[in-house]
Amino acid sequence: MNVVLRAIGNVFWSMPKGLAVTFKHLFKKPVTLDYPHQKKPMSPRYRGLHYLERYDDGSERCVCCGLCAAACPADCIYMEPEENEKGERRARIYEINMLRCIFCGYCEEACPEEAIFLGREYEFSDYDRDSFIYTKVQMLVTSPRKDNPFKWIIRKVRRVYGVPEPSL
């Protein structure tokens, strides 16, 4: 009998308590997003998909020096150099295996030409493992970016540690 009275007491005490929590949140603004139509703003320090930068004249910045591949702790960058008819060096093959990449940003910091940068995209899923190996053609931007918001930090660090500025 004591168990039955305790159960009835719990019903009359616990149910209104639970309903009070429900009604408290019923009229608040929802915290979910309608994902494909609304995207969550990422933090300013977020590192996403890799891109290769171009100069203002449209030529690619990467001179295939190999510093980004050397700085990569996951060893996900593969490159082969070539020279054009003017004797300028550039990357013939530049590939990044996104399945191995840990998005640390060391490649971006190591590049003396500021040729590689990590964008803000977080939607690069696929069904095939081979499609996660990004080539130079896939990563080259169509036109040069206006300005890197963190470029002043990168240049200040390079000045402090004695890394020369890239010549344009």
C-alpha atoms as a PDB file:
ATOM      1  CA  MET A   1       0.000   0.000   0.000  1.00  0.00           C
ATOM      2  CA  ASN A   2       2.871   2.339   0.821  1.00  0.00           C
ATOM      3  CA  VAL A   3       4.395   1.716  -2.619  1.00  0.00           C
ATOM      4  CA  VAL A   4       1.116   2.559  -4.357  1.00  0.00           C
ATOM      5  CA  LEU A   5       0.760   5.836  -2.438  1.00  0.00           C
ATOM      6  CA  ARG A   6       4.370   6.766  -3.258  1.00  0.00           C
ATOM      7  CA  ALA A   7       3.734   6.066  -6.962  1.00  0.00           C
ATOM      8  CA  ILE A   8       0.580   8.186  -6.961  1.00  0.00           C
ATOM      9  CA  GLY A   9       2.461  10.977  -5.161  1.00  0.00           C
ATOM     10  CA  ASN A  10       5.206  10.833  -7.782  1.00  0.00           C
ATOM     11  CA  VAL A  11       2.602  11.122 -10.546  1.00  0.00           C
ATOM     12  CA  PHE A  12       1.050  14.211  -9.012  1.00  0.00           C
ATOM     13  CA  TRP A  13       4.443  15.780  -8.280  1.00  0.00           C
ATOM     14  CA  SER A  14       6.702  14.638 -11.174  1.00  0.00           C
ATOM     15  CA  MET A  15       4.279  15.091 -14.061  1.00  0.00           C
ATOM     16  CA  PRO A  16       3.545  18.786 -13.378  1.00  0.00           C
ATOM     17  CA  LYS A  17       7.265  19.339 -12.822  1.00  0.00           C
ATOM     18  CA  GLY A  18       8.066  17.831 -16.243  1.00  0.00           C
ATOM     19  CA  LEU A  19       5.250  19.745 -17.929  1.00  0.00           C
ATOM     20  CA  ALA A  20       6.581  22.969 -16.398  1.00  0.00           C
ATOM     21  CA  VAL A  21       9.933  22.360 -18.096  1.00  0.00           C
ATOM     22  CA  THR A  22       8.139  21.700 -21.379  1.00  0.00           C
ATOM     23  CA  PHE A  23       6.039  24.843 -21.169  1.00  0.00           C
ATOM     24  CA  LYS A  24       9.101  26.892 -20.184  1.00  0.00           C
ATOM     25  CA  HIS A  25      10.838  25.988 -23.462  1.00  0.00           C
ATOM     26  CA  LEU A  26       7.709  25.963 -25.624  1.00  0.00           C
ATOM     27  CA  PHE A  27       7.670  29.699 -26.338  1.00  0.00           C
ATOM     28  CA  LYS A  28      11.430  30.259 -26.646  1.00  0.00           C
ATOM     29  CA  LYS A  29      13.211  30.742 -29.947  1.00  0.00           C
ATOM     30  CA  PRO A  30      14.412  27.381 -31.363  1.00  0.00           C
ATOM     31  CA  VAL A  31      18.164  26.757 -31.410  1.00  0.00           C
ATOM     32  CA  THR A  32      18.156  24.557 -34.514  1.00  0.00           C
ATOM     33  CA  LEU A  33      18.903  25.742 -38.046  1.00  0.00           C
ATOM     34  CA  ASP A  34      17.193  24.868 -41.297  1.00  0.00           C
ATOM     35  CA  TYR A  35      20.549  23.506 -42.521  1.00  0.00           C
ATOM     36  CA  PRO A  36      20.574  23.553 -46.291  1.00  0.00           C
ATOM     37  CA  HIS A  37      18.990  27.004 -46.342  1.00  0.00           C
ATOM     38  CA  GLN A  38      20.701  28.449 -43.264  1.00  0.00           C
ATOM     39  CA  LYS A  39      24.333  27.701 -42.505  1.00  0.00           C
ATOM     40  CA  LYS A  40      25.982  28.078 -39.151  1.00  0.00           C
ATOM     41  CA  PRO A  41      28.516  30.898 -39.079  1.00  0.00           C
ATOM     42  CA  MET A  42      31.938  29.465 -38.339  1.00  0.00           C
ATOM     43  CA  SER A  43      34.478  31.025 -36.010  1.00  0.00           C
ATOM     44  CA  PRO A  44      37.087  33.317 -37.600  1.00  0.00           C
ATOM     45  CA  ARG A  45      39.854  30.790 -36.887  1.00  0.00           C
ATOM     46  CA  TYR A  46      38.106  27.898 -38.646  1.00  0.00           C
ATOM     47  CA  ARG A  47      40.175  26.131 -41.310  1.00  0.00           C
ATOM     48  CA  GLY A  48      38.348  24.413 -44.136  1.00  0.00           C
ATOM     49  CA  LEU A  49      39.029  23.433 -47.703  1.00  0.00           C
ATOM     50  CA  HIS A  50      42.432  24.251 -49.264  1.00  0.00           C
ATOM     51  CA  TYR A  51      42.837  26.727 -52.118  1.00  0.00           C
ATOM     52  CA  LEU A  52      45.755  27.810 -54.272  1.00  0.00           C
ATOM     53  CA  GLU A  53      46.060  31.554 -54.804  1.00  0.00           C
ATOM     54  CA  ARG A  54      46.815  33.450 -58.015  1.00  0.00           C
ATOM     55  CA  TYR A  55      48.662  36.692 -58.682  1.00  0.00           C
ATOM     56  CA  ASP A  56      46.747  39.722 -59.918  1.00  0.00           C
ATOM     57  CA  ASP A  57      47.727  38.919 -63.514  1.00  0.00           C
ATOM     58  CA  GLY A  58      46.135  35.450 -63.206  1.00  0.00           C
ATOM     59  CA  SER A  59      49.286  33.336 -62.933  1.00  0.00           C
ATOM     60  CA  GLU A  60      49.539  30.884 -60.085  1.00  0.00           C
ATOM     61  CA  ARG A  61      51.540  31.809 -57.004  1.00  0.00           C
ATOM     62  CA  CYS A  62      52.879  28.356 -56.137  1.00  0.00           C
ATOM     63  CA  VAL A  63      56.539  27.962 -57.084  1.00  0.00           C
ATOM     64  CA  CYS A  64      56.636  24.353 -55.833  1.00  0.00           C
ATOM     65  CA  CYS A  65      59.281  25.036 -53.199  1.00  0.00           C
ATOM     66  CA  GLY A  66      58.076  22.097 -51.087  1.00  0.00           C
ATOM     67  CA  LEU A  67      57.904  23.949 -47.788  1.00  0.00           C
ATOM     68  CA  CYS A  68      54.200  23.213 -47.365  1.00  0.00           C
ATOM     69  CA  ALA A  69      54.810  19.502 -47.910  1.00  0.00           C
ATOM     70  CA  ALA A  70      57.727  19.567 -45.475  1.00  0.00           C
ATOM     71  CA  ALA A  71      55.688  21.386 -42.815  1.00  0.00           C
ATOM     72  CA  CYS A  72      52.697  19.032 -43.112  1.00  0.00           C
ATOM     73  CA  PRO A  73      52.673  16.647 -40.120  1.00  0.00           C
ATOM     74  CA  ALA A  74      50.221  14.289 -41.851  1.00  0.00           C
ATOM     75  CA  ASP A  75      52.311  14.086 -45.048  1.00  0.00           C
ATOM     76  CA  CYS A  76      49.241  14.648 -47.212  1.00  0.00           C
ATOM     77  CA  ILE A  77      50.755  17.043 -49.801  1.00  0.00           C
ATOM     78  CA  TYR A  78      52.433  15.695 -52.941  1.00  0.00           C
ATOM     79  CA  MET A  79      54.001  17.949 -55.549  1.00  0.00           C
ATOM     80  CA  GLU A  80      56.264  17.791 -58.582  1.00  0.00           C
ATOM     81  CA  PRO A  81      57.916  20.923 -60.035  1.00  0.00           C
ATOM     82  CA  GLU A  82      58.416  22.017 -63.615  1.00  0.00           C
ATOM     83  CA  GLU A  83      59.799  25.076 -65.386  1.00  0.00           C
ATOM     84  CA  ASN A  84      57.964  26.988 -68.074  1.00  0.00           C
ATOM     85  CA  GLU A  85      59.527  28.490 -71.194  1.00  0.00           C
ATOM     86  CA  LYS A  86      60.550  31.651 -69.289  1.00  0.00           C
ATOM     87  CA  GLY A  87      62.445  29.574 -66.741  1.00  0.00           C
ATOM     88  CA  GLU A  88      59.935  30.237 -63.971  1.00  0.00           C
ATOM     89  CA  ARG A  89      59.282  27.372 -61.630  1.00  0.00           C
ATOM     90  CA  ARG A  90      55.752  26.166 -60.898  1.00  0.00           C
ATOM     91  CA  ALA A  91      53.947  23.028 -59.785  1.00  0.00           C
ATOM     92  CA  ARG A  92      53.269  20.455 -62.471  1.00  0.00           C
ATOM     93  CA  ILE A  93      51.483  18.170 -60.008  1.00  0.00           C
ATOM     94  CA  TYR A  94      50.056  19.466 -56.731  1.00  0.00           C
ATOM     95  CA  GLU A  95      47.795  17.107 -54.795  1.00  0.00           C
ATOM     96  CA  ILE A  96      46.395  17.142 -51.277  1.00  0.00           C
ATOM     97  CA  ASN A  97      44.870  14.012 -49.787  1.00  0.00           C
ATOM     98  CA  MET A  98      42.003  15.398 -47.707  1.00  0.00           C
ATOM     99  CA  LEU A  99      41.477  12.081 -45.952  1.00  0.00           C
ATOM    100  CA  ARG A 100      44.905  12.414 -44.335  1.00  0.00           C
ATOM    101  CA  CYS A 101      44.806  16.168 -43.768  1.00  0.00           C
ATOM    102  CA  ILE A 102      44.300  17.285 -40.170  1.00  0.00           C
ATOM    103  CA  PHE A 103      43.589  20.936 -41.155  1.00  0.00           C
ATOM    104  CA  CYS A 104      46.326  22.287 -38.915  1.00  0.00           C
ATOM    105  CA  GLY A 105      47.197  25.198 -41.220  1.00  0.00           C
ATOM    106  CA  TYR A 106      50.963  24.583 -41.154  1.00  0.00           C
ATOM    107  CA  CYS A 107      51.039  24.523 -44.955  1.00  0.00           C
ATOM    108  CA  GLU A 108      49.491  27.986 -45.039  1.00  0.00           C
ATOM    109  CA  GLU A 109      52.000  29.333 -42.525  1.00  0.00           C
ATOM    110  CA  ALA A 110      55.022  27.738 -44.218  1.00  0.00           C
ATOM    111  CA  CYS A 111      54.347  29.052 -47.725  1.00  0.00           C
ATOM    112  CA  PRO A 112      56.666  31.999 -48.482  1.00  0.00           C
ATOM    113  CA  GLU A 113      54.578  33.012 -51.513  1.00  0.00           C
ATOM    114  CA  GLU A 114      51.252  32.897 -49.616  1.00  0.00           C
ATOM    115  CA  ALA A 115      50.040  30.595 -52.357  1.00  0.00           C
ATOM    116  CA  ILE A 116      47.990  28.160 -50.284  1.00  0.00           C
ATOM    117  CA  PHE A 117      45.238  29.116 -47.883  1.00  0.00           C
ATOM    118  CA  LEU A 118      42.506  27.299 -46.049  1.00  0.00           C
ATOM    119  CA  GLY A 119      39.020  28.520 -46.807  1.00  0.00           C
ATOM    120  CA  ARG A 120      35.831  28.567 -44.778  1.00  0.00           C
ATOM    121  CA  GLU A 121      33.988  25.676 -46.468  1.00  0.00           C
ATOM    122  CA  TYR A 122      32.935  22.697 -44.401  1.00  0.00           C
ATOM    123  CA  GLU A 123      30.786  20.892 -46.971  1.00  0.00           C
ATOM    124  CA  PHE A 124      33.112  18.632 -48.914  1.00  0.00           C
ATOM    125  CA  SER A 125      31.737  15.153 -48.427  1.00  0.00           C
ATOM    126  CA  ASP A 126      31.634  12.478 -51.095  1.00  0.00           C
ATOM    127  CA  TYR A 127      30.964   8.792 -51.624  1.00  0.00           C
ATOM    128  CA  ASP A 128      34.254   7.838 -53.272  1.00  0.00           C
ATOM    129  CA  ARG A 129      37.663   7.882 -51.550  1.00  0.00           C
ATOM    130  CA  ASP A 130      39.447   8.902 -54.756  1.00  0.00           C
ATOM    131  CA  SER A 131      37.490  12.152 -54.944  1.00  0.00           C
ATOM    132  CA  PHE A 132      39.149  13.345 -51.723  1.00  0.00           C
ATOM    133  CA  ILE A 133      42.488  13.737 -53.490  1.00  0.00           C
ATOM    134  CA  TYR A 134      42.316  17.343 -54.626  1.00  0.00           C
ATOM    135  CA  THR A 135      44.463  18.329 -57.605  1.00  0.00           C
ATOM    136  CA  LYS A 136      45.927  21.699 -58.524  1.00  0.00           C
ATOM    137  CA  VAL A 137      43.137  22.360 -61.025  1.00  0.00           C
ATOM    138  CA  GLN A 138      40.472  21.809 -58.369  1.00  0.00           C
ATOM    139  CA  MET A 139      42.186  24.030 -55.810  1.00  0.00           C
ATOM    140  CA  LEU A 140      43.159  27.018 -57.999  1.00  0.00           C
ATOM    141  CA  VAL A 141      40.876  29.974 -57.389  1.00  0.00           C
ATOM    142  CA  THR A 142      39.333  31.639 -60.420  1.00  0.00           C
ATOM    143  CA  SER A 143      40.498  35.109 -59.437  1.00  0.00           C
ATOM    144  CA  PRO A 144      42.818  36.432 -56.721  1.00  0.00           C
ATOM    145  CA  ARG A 145      41.344  37.059 -53.297  1.00  0.00           C
ATOM    146  CA  LYS A 146      40.909  40.644 -52.188  1.00  0.00           C
ATOM    147  CA  ASP A 147      42.819  40.255 -48.937  1.00  0.00           C
ATOM    148  CA  ASN A 148      43.558  37.690 -46.282  1.00  0.00           C
ATOM    149  CA  PRO A 149      42.162  38.985 -42.978  1.00  0.00           C
ATOM    150  CA  PHE A 150      45.062  37.389 -41.095  1.00  0.00           C
ATOM    151  CA  LYS A 151      47.773  38.490 -43.548  1.00  0.00           C
ATOM    152  CA  TRP A 152      49.080  41.153 -41.165  1.00  0.00           C
ATOM    153  CA  ILE A 153      49.638  38.487 -38.496  1.00  0.00           C
ATOM    154  CA  ILE A 154      51.473  36.228 -40.940  1.00  0.00           C
ATOM    155  CA  ARG A 155      53.686  39.065 -42.132  1.00  0.00           C
ATOM    156  CA  LYS A 156      54.449  40.190 -38.578  1.00  0.00           C
ATOM    157  CA  VAL A 157      55.506  36.680 -37.588  1.00  0.00           C
ATOM    158  CA  ARG A 158      57.697  36.432 -40.688  1.00  0.00           C
ATOM    159  CA  ARG A 159      59.372  39.752 -39.842  1.00  0.00           C
ATOM    160  CA  VAL A 160      60.042  38.671 -36.254  1.00  0.00           C
ATOM    161  CA  TYR A 161      61.589  35.345 -37.278  1.00  0.00           C
ATOM    162  CA  GLY A 162      63.511  36.745 -40.241  1.00  0.00           C
ATOM    163  CA  VAL A 163      61.596  35.147 -43.116  1.00  0.00           C
ATOM    164  CA  PRO A 164      61.860  37.442 -46.163  1.00  0.00           C
ATOM    165  CA  GLU A 165      58.724  38.804 -47.805  1.00  0.00           C
ATOM    166  CA  PRO A 166      57.800  37.168 -51.132  1.00  0.00           C
ATOM    167  CA  SER A 167      58.559  39.298 -54.168  1.00  0.00           C
ATOM    168  CA  LEU A 168      55.660  40.010 -56.509  1.00  0.00           C
END
